[in-house]
N, C-alpha and C. Protein backbone atom coordinates (compact mmCIF):
# COMPACT_ATOMS: atom_id res chain seq x y z
N MET A 1 -80.28 -35.87 247.68
CA MET A 1 -79.90 -35.25 246.61
C MET A 1 -78.82 -35.46 245.86
N VAL A 2 -78.69 -34.80 244.82
CA VAL A 2 -77.23 -35.16 243.86
C VAL A 2 -76.09 -34.65 244.09
N LYS A 3 -75.62 -35.50 243.90
CA LYS A 3 -74.27 -35.08 243.46
C LYS A 3 -73.18 -35.30 243.08
N TRP A 4 -71.93 -35.12 242.30
CA TRP A 4 -71.79 -35.24 241.23
C TRP A 4 -70.15 -35.78 241.62
N THR A 5 -69.57 -36.20 240.81
CA THR A 5 -68.38 -36.66 241.64
C THR A 5 -67.02 -36.02 240.93
N ARG A 6 -66.06 -35.75 241.44
CA ARG A 6 -64.66 -35.62 240.68
C ARG A 6 -64.03 -35.29 239.26
N HIS A 7 -64.63 -36.76 239.01
CA HIS A 7 -64.22 -38.09 237.56
C HIS A 7 -65.52 -37.03 236.72
N ALA A 8 -67.06 -37.42 237.21
CA ALA A 8 -67.76 -36.67 236.36
C ALA A 8 -67.66 -35.70 235.28
N LYS A 9 -67.86 -34.66 236.90
CA LYS A 9 -67.19 -33.33 236.37
C LYS A 9 -66.35 -32.73 235.28
N ARG A 10 -65.07 -33.89 235.91
CA ARG A 10 -64.07 -33.23 234.54
C ARG A 10 -64.73 -33.95 233.12
N GLN A 11 -65.27 -34.81 233.28
CA GLN A 11 -65.57 -35.83 232.04
C GLN A 11 -66.62 -34.75 230.96
N LEU A 12 -67.28 -34.33 232.51
CA LEU A 12 -68.78 -33.03 231.66
C LEU A 12 -67.57 -31.64 231.46
N ARG A 13 -66.37 -31.26 231.61
CA ARG A 13 -66.08 -30.32 231.32
C ARG A 13 -64.93 -30.85 230.08
N HIS A 14 -64.81 -31.62 230.13
CA HIS A 14 -63.89 -32.16 228.65
C HIS A 14 -65.20 -32.12 227.66
N ILE A 15 -66.52 -33.06 227.69
CA ILE A 15 -67.01 -32.78 226.53
C ILE A 15 -67.36 -31.23 226.35
N TYR A 16 -67.94 -30.31 227.32
CA TYR A 16 -68.01 -28.78 226.65
C TYR A 16 -66.89 -28.53 226.18
N ASP A 17 -65.56 -28.66 226.31
CA ASP A 17 -64.08 -28.42 225.50
C ASP A 17 -64.27 -28.56 224.37
N TYR A 18 -64.57 -30.33 224.10
CA TYR A 18 -64.58 -30.37 222.66
C TYR A 18 -65.80 -29.78 221.68
N ILE A 19 -67.25 -29.60 222.35
CA ILE A 19 -67.86 -29.37 221.76
C ILE A 19 -68.03 -27.82 221.46
N ALA A 20 -66.78 -27.24 222.44
CA ALA A 20 -67.24 -25.90 222.16
C ALA A 20 -65.80 -25.01 221.03
N GLN A 21 -65.20 -26.01 221.13
CA GLN A 21 -63.88 -26.30 219.55
C GLN A 21 -64.95 -24.97 218.69
N ASP A 22 -66.30 -26.48 218.30
CA ASP A 22 -66.84 -25.69 216.90
C ASP A 22 -68.43 -25.14 216.61
N SER A 23 -68.50 -25.02 218.62
CA SER A 23 -70.11 -24.04 219.20
C SER A 23 -69.97 -23.76 220.72
N PRO A 24 -69.47 -23.09 221.19
CA PRO A 24 -69.54 -22.13 222.44
C PRO A 24 -70.61 -22.41 222.81
N LEU A 25 -71.45 -21.84 221.80
CA LEU A 25 -73.05 -22.28 222.23
C LEU A 25 -73.97 -23.44 222.76
N TYR A 26 -73.89 -24.86 221.55
CA TYR A 26 -73.85 -25.66 221.76
C TYR A 26 -73.62 -26.82 223.05
N ALA A 27 -71.69 -26.07 222.72
CA ALA A 27 -71.35 -26.03 224.25
C ALA A 27 -72.40 -26.17 225.34
N ARG A 28 -72.69 -24.57 226.19
CA ARG A 28 -73.06 -24.35 226.91
C ARG A 28 -74.70 -25.08 226.72
N ARG A 29 -75.07 -25.56 226.00
CA ARG A 29 -76.72 -26.34 225.51
C ARG A 29 -76.55 -27.59 226.68
N VAL A 30 -75.77 -28.15 225.71
CA VAL A 30 -75.43 -29.21 225.94
C VAL A 30 -75.00 -29.79 227.74
N SER A 31 -74.00 -29.21 227.79
CA SER A 31 -73.28 -29.18 229.19
C SER A 31 -75.12 -29.48 230.44
N GLU A 32 -75.75 -28.30 229.79
CA GLU A 32 -76.67 -27.59 231.29
C GLU A 32 -77.66 -29.04 230.82
N GLU A 33 -77.84 -29.15 229.43
CA GLU A 33 -79.43 -30.23 229.80
C GLU A 33 -78.49 -32.04 230.74
N LEU A 34 -77.97 -31.27 230.37
CA LEU A 34 -76.83 -33.10 230.81
C LEU A 34 -77.22 -33.17 232.22
N VAL A 35 -76.99 -31.53 232.81
CA VAL A 35 -76.95 -31.47 234.43
C VAL A 35 -78.56 -31.43 234.73
N LYS A 36 -79.37 -30.66 234.00
CA LYS A 36 -80.97 -30.61 233.86
C LYS A 36 -81.01 -32.06 234.31
N LYS A 37 -80.65 -32.98 233.49
CA LYS A 37 -81.26 -34.14 233.13
C LYS A 37 -81.03 -35.12 234.57
N THR A 38 -80.08 -35.06 235.39
CA THR A 38 -80.13 -35.11 236.60
C THR A 38 -80.76 -34.33 238.16
N ILE A 39 -81.34 -34.05 237.73
CA ILE A 39 -82.44 -32.91 238.85
C ILE A 39 -83.32 -33.97 238.85
N GLY A 40 -83.43 -34.12 240.33
CA GLY A 40 -84.74 -34.95 240.77
C GLY A 40 -84.63 -36.11 240.77
N LEU A 41 -83.42 -36.58 240.26
CA LEU A 41 -82.98 -38.14 240.75
C LEU A 41 -82.52 -38.84 241.47
N ASP A 42 -83.01 -37.79 242.80
CA ASP A 42 -82.64 -38.15 244.35
C ASP A 42 -84.15 -38.96 244.35
N GLU A 43 -85.63 -38.00 243.84
CA GLU A 43 -87.22 -38.26 243.84
C GLU A 43 -87.42 -39.62 243.23
N LEU A 44 -86.61 -39.64 242.18
CA LEU A 44 -86.72 -40.94 241.23
C LEU A 44 -85.77 -41.78 240.75
N PRO A 45 -85.32 -42.33 242.05
CA PRO A 45 -84.08 -43.01 241.24
C PRO A 45 -83.89 -43.85 240.75
N ARG A 46 -85.08 -44.48 240.17
CA ARG A 46 -84.92 -45.85 239.77
C ARG A 46 -85.37 -45.47 238.69
N LYS A 47 -85.25 -44.41 237.72
CA LYS A 47 -85.65 -43.94 236.63
C LYS A 47 -84.78 -44.25 235.45
N GLY A 48 -83.66 -44.30 235.69
CA GLY A 48 -82.51 -45.07 234.30
C GLY A 48 -83.09 -46.49 234.68
N ARG A 49 -82.34 -46.63 233.74
CA ARG A 49 -81.91 -47.99 233.78
C ARG A 49 -80.79 -49.13 234.06
N ARG A 50 -80.89 -49.82 234.41
CA ARG A 50 -79.22 -50.68 234.96
C ARG A 50 -78.43 -50.60 234.17
N VAL A 51 -77.03 -50.71 234.45
CA VAL A 51 -76.06 -50.19 233.44
C VAL A 51 -75.79 -51.63 232.77
N PRO A 52 -75.44 -52.27 231.72
CA PRO A 52 -75.38 -53.50 231.63
C PRO A 52 -74.24 -53.84 231.61
N GLU A 53 -73.49 -53.18 231.34
CA GLU A 53 -71.91 -54.21 231.98
C GLU A 53 -71.51 -54.19 233.40
N LEU A 54 -72.96 -52.97 233.94
CA LEU A 54 -72.22 -53.42 235.67
C LEU A 54 -72.96 -54.32 236.27
N ASN A 55 -74.26 -54.82 235.71
CA ASN A 55 -75.84 -55.59 236.49
C ASN A 55 -75.52 -55.52 237.45
N GLU A 56 -75.64 -54.17 238.35
CA GLU A 56 -75.53 -54.14 239.54
C GLU A 56 -77.03 -53.19 239.55
N ASP A 57 -77.82 -53.30 240.52
CA ASP A 57 -79.05 -52.46 240.88
C ASP A 57 -79.55 -50.88 241.30
N ALA A 58 -77.82 -50.85 241.81
CA ALA A 58 -77.82 -49.65 242.68
C ALA A 58 -77.22 -48.64 241.04
N VAL A 59 -76.79 -49.21 240.25
CA VAL A 59 -75.82 -48.38 239.08
C VAL A 59 -76.83 -48.14 237.79
N ARG A 60 -77.19 -46.98 237.77
CA ARG A 60 -77.77 -46.63 236.44
C ARG A 60 -78.02 -45.97 235.49
N GLU A 61 -78.42 -45.45 234.10
CA GLU A 61 -77.96 -44.22 234.09
C GLU A 61 -79.57 -44.01 233.06
N LEU A 62 -78.84 -42.67 232.56
CA LEU A 62 -79.89 -42.06 231.61
C LEU A 62 -79.00 -42.00 230.54
N GLY A 63 -79.74 -41.67 229.36
CA GLY A 63 -79.36 -41.63 227.95
C GLY A 63 -80.19 -39.83 227.20
N LEU A 64 -78.79 -39.42 226.94
CA LEU A 64 -79.22 -38.12 226.36
C LEU A 64 -78.06 -37.54 225.19
N TYR A 65 -79.33 -36.99 223.92
CA TYR A 65 -78.28 -36.91 223.14
C TYR A 65 -77.42 -38.02 222.14
N SER A 66 -75.77 -38.25 222.15
CA SER A 66 -74.92 -39.63 222.80
C SER A 66 -74.02 -39.94 223.56
N TYR A 67 -74.75 -39.36 225.39
CA TYR A 67 -74.23 -39.66 226.29
C TYR A 67 -75.01 -40.23 227.15
N ARG A 68 -74.43 -41.06 227.83
CA ARG A 68 -74.71 -41.90 228.83
C ARG A 68 -74.16 -40.87 230.06
N ILE A 69 -75.48 -40.76 231.24
CA ILE A 69 -74.78 -40.44 232.43
C ILE A 69 -75.15 -41.69 233.51
N LEU A 70 -74.11 -41.72 234.13
CA LEU A 70 -73.89 -43.19 234.96
C LEU A 70 -73.98 -42.43 236.46
N TYR A 71 -75.48 -43.39 237.04
CA TYR A 71 -74.53 -42.76 238.72
C TYR A 71 -75.43 -43.82 239.44
N GLU A 72 -75.00 -43.45 240.56
CA GLU A 72 -75.37 -44.89 241.90
C GLU A 72 -76.50 -44.17 243.21
N ILE A 73 -77.31 -45.06 243.44
CA ILE A 73 -77.91 -44.95 244.43
C ILE A 73 -77.22 -45.20 245.40
N LYS A 74 -77.01 -44.36 246.43
CA LYS A 74 -76.41 -44.19 247.47
C LYS A 74 -77.31 -44.65 248.60
N SER A 75 -78.39 -44.31 248.93
CA SER A 75 -79.13 -44.11 250.21
C SER A 75 -81.05 -43.41 249.51
N ASP A 76 -81.78 -43.30 250.08
CA ASP A 76 -82.27 -43.19 249.96
C ASP A 76 -82.79 -41.80 248.49
N ASP A 77 -81.89 -41.03 250.13
CA ASP A 77 -81.65 -39.34 249.60
C ASP A 77 -80.18 -38.93 249.49
N LEU A 78 -79.20 -39.70 248.07
CA LEU A 78 -78.43 -39.03 248.07
C LEU A 78 -77.96 -40.06 246.72
N ILE A 79 -77.68 -39.26 245.73
CA ILE A 79 -77.18 -40.41 244.28
C ILE A 79 -76.27 -39.14 243.93
N GLU A 80 -75.48 -40.59 243.38
CA GLU A 80 -73.73 -39.73 243.37
C GLU A 80 -73.65 -40.10 241.45
N VAL A 81 -73.65 -39.09 240.65
CA VAL A 81 -73.51 -39.06 239.63
C VAL A 81 -71.78 -39.25 239.32
N LEU A 82 -71.95 -40.60 238.54
CA LEU A 82 -70.17 -41.25 238.39
C LEU A 82 -69.96 -41.22 236.80
N ALA A 83 -70.13 -40.37 236.31
CA ALA A 83 -69.11 -40.83 234.80
C ALA A 83 -70.40 -40.36 233.45
N VAL A 84 -70.13 -39.87 232.81
CA VAL A 84 -70.75 -38.83 231.67
C VAL A 84 -69.65 -39.40 230.33
N ILE A 85 -70.06 -40.73 229.51
CA ILE A 85 -69.67 -41.38 228.74
C ILE A 85 -70.27 -41.26 227.50
N HIS A 86 -69.77 -41.14 226.18
CA HIS A 86 -70.67 -41.10 224.74
C HIS A 86 -70.83 -42.53 224.74
N LYS A 87 -72.07 -42.76 223.86
CA LYS A 87 -72.16 -44.15 224.06
C LYS A 87 -71.96 -45.06 223.10
N ARG A 88 -70.46 -45.05 222.29
CA ARG A 88 -70.12 -45.31 221.38
C ARG A 88 -68.64 -45.90 222.23
N GLN A 89 -68.64 -45.60 223.25
CA GLN A 89 -67.06 -45.92 223.97
C GLN A 89 -67.59 -47.26 224.92
N HIS A 90 -66.74 -47.88 224.76
CA HIS A 90 -66.53 -49.08 225.63
C HIS A 90 -66.66 -49.12 227.35
N LEU A 91 -67.26 -49.29 227.88
CA LEU A 91 -67.37 -49.53 229.09
C LEU A 91 -66.40 -50.58 229.95
N GLU A 92 -66.33 -50.17 230.87
CA GLU A 92 -65.23 -51.34 231.71
C GLU A 92 -65.55 -50.89 233.16
N ALA A 93 -66.04 -51.66 234.23
CA ALA A 93 -66.49 -51.70 235.48
C ALA A 93 -64.96 -50.66 236.42
N GLU A 94 -64.15 -51.17 236.03
CA GLU A 94 -63.45 -49.97 236.77
C GLU A 94 -62.29 -48.84 235.90
N GLU A 95 -63.54 -48.50 235.07
CA GLU A 95 -62.87 -47.50 234.73
C GLU A 95 -63.34 -46.59 235.15
N ILE A 96 -64.57 -46.96 235.63
CA ILE A 96 -65.27 -46.05 236.40
C ILE A 96 -64.97 -46.04 238.28
N PRO A 97 -64.51 -44.53 238.23
CA PRO A 97 -63.91 -44.83 240.14
C PRO A 97 -65.15 -44.47 240.45
N ARG A 98 -65.35 -44.47 242.16
CA ARG A 98 -66.44 -45.12 242.64
C ARG A 98 -66.29 -44.09 244.30
N GLU A 99 -67.01 -43.39 244.45
CA GLU A 99 -66.01 -42.69 246.21
C GLU A 99 -67.20 -43.24 246.86
N GLN A 100 -66.07 -43.73 248.06
CA GLN A 100 -66.88 -44.41 248.92
C GLN A 100 -67.07 -43.39 250.28
């Protein structure tokens, strides 16, 4: 199962709101594609690359457009989407809330 954390959902909403200022249609398209990109991660959890800033095997990322989708492999059947950030955003490990 792929579960989005509250933090990741808030970031997705922020991305939608930001893009919607110029184009509600494009905002919806980008948001939907970001979510679609995570579908099936529970079947292929190591699909993404390791997040270089964290260097933990269980924390990985997928790229789409100018965004990074960070996720954690919690178990064989649970993937948590931790964050969706812009590729140019500087990432610090403590900025990614991880639910226990």
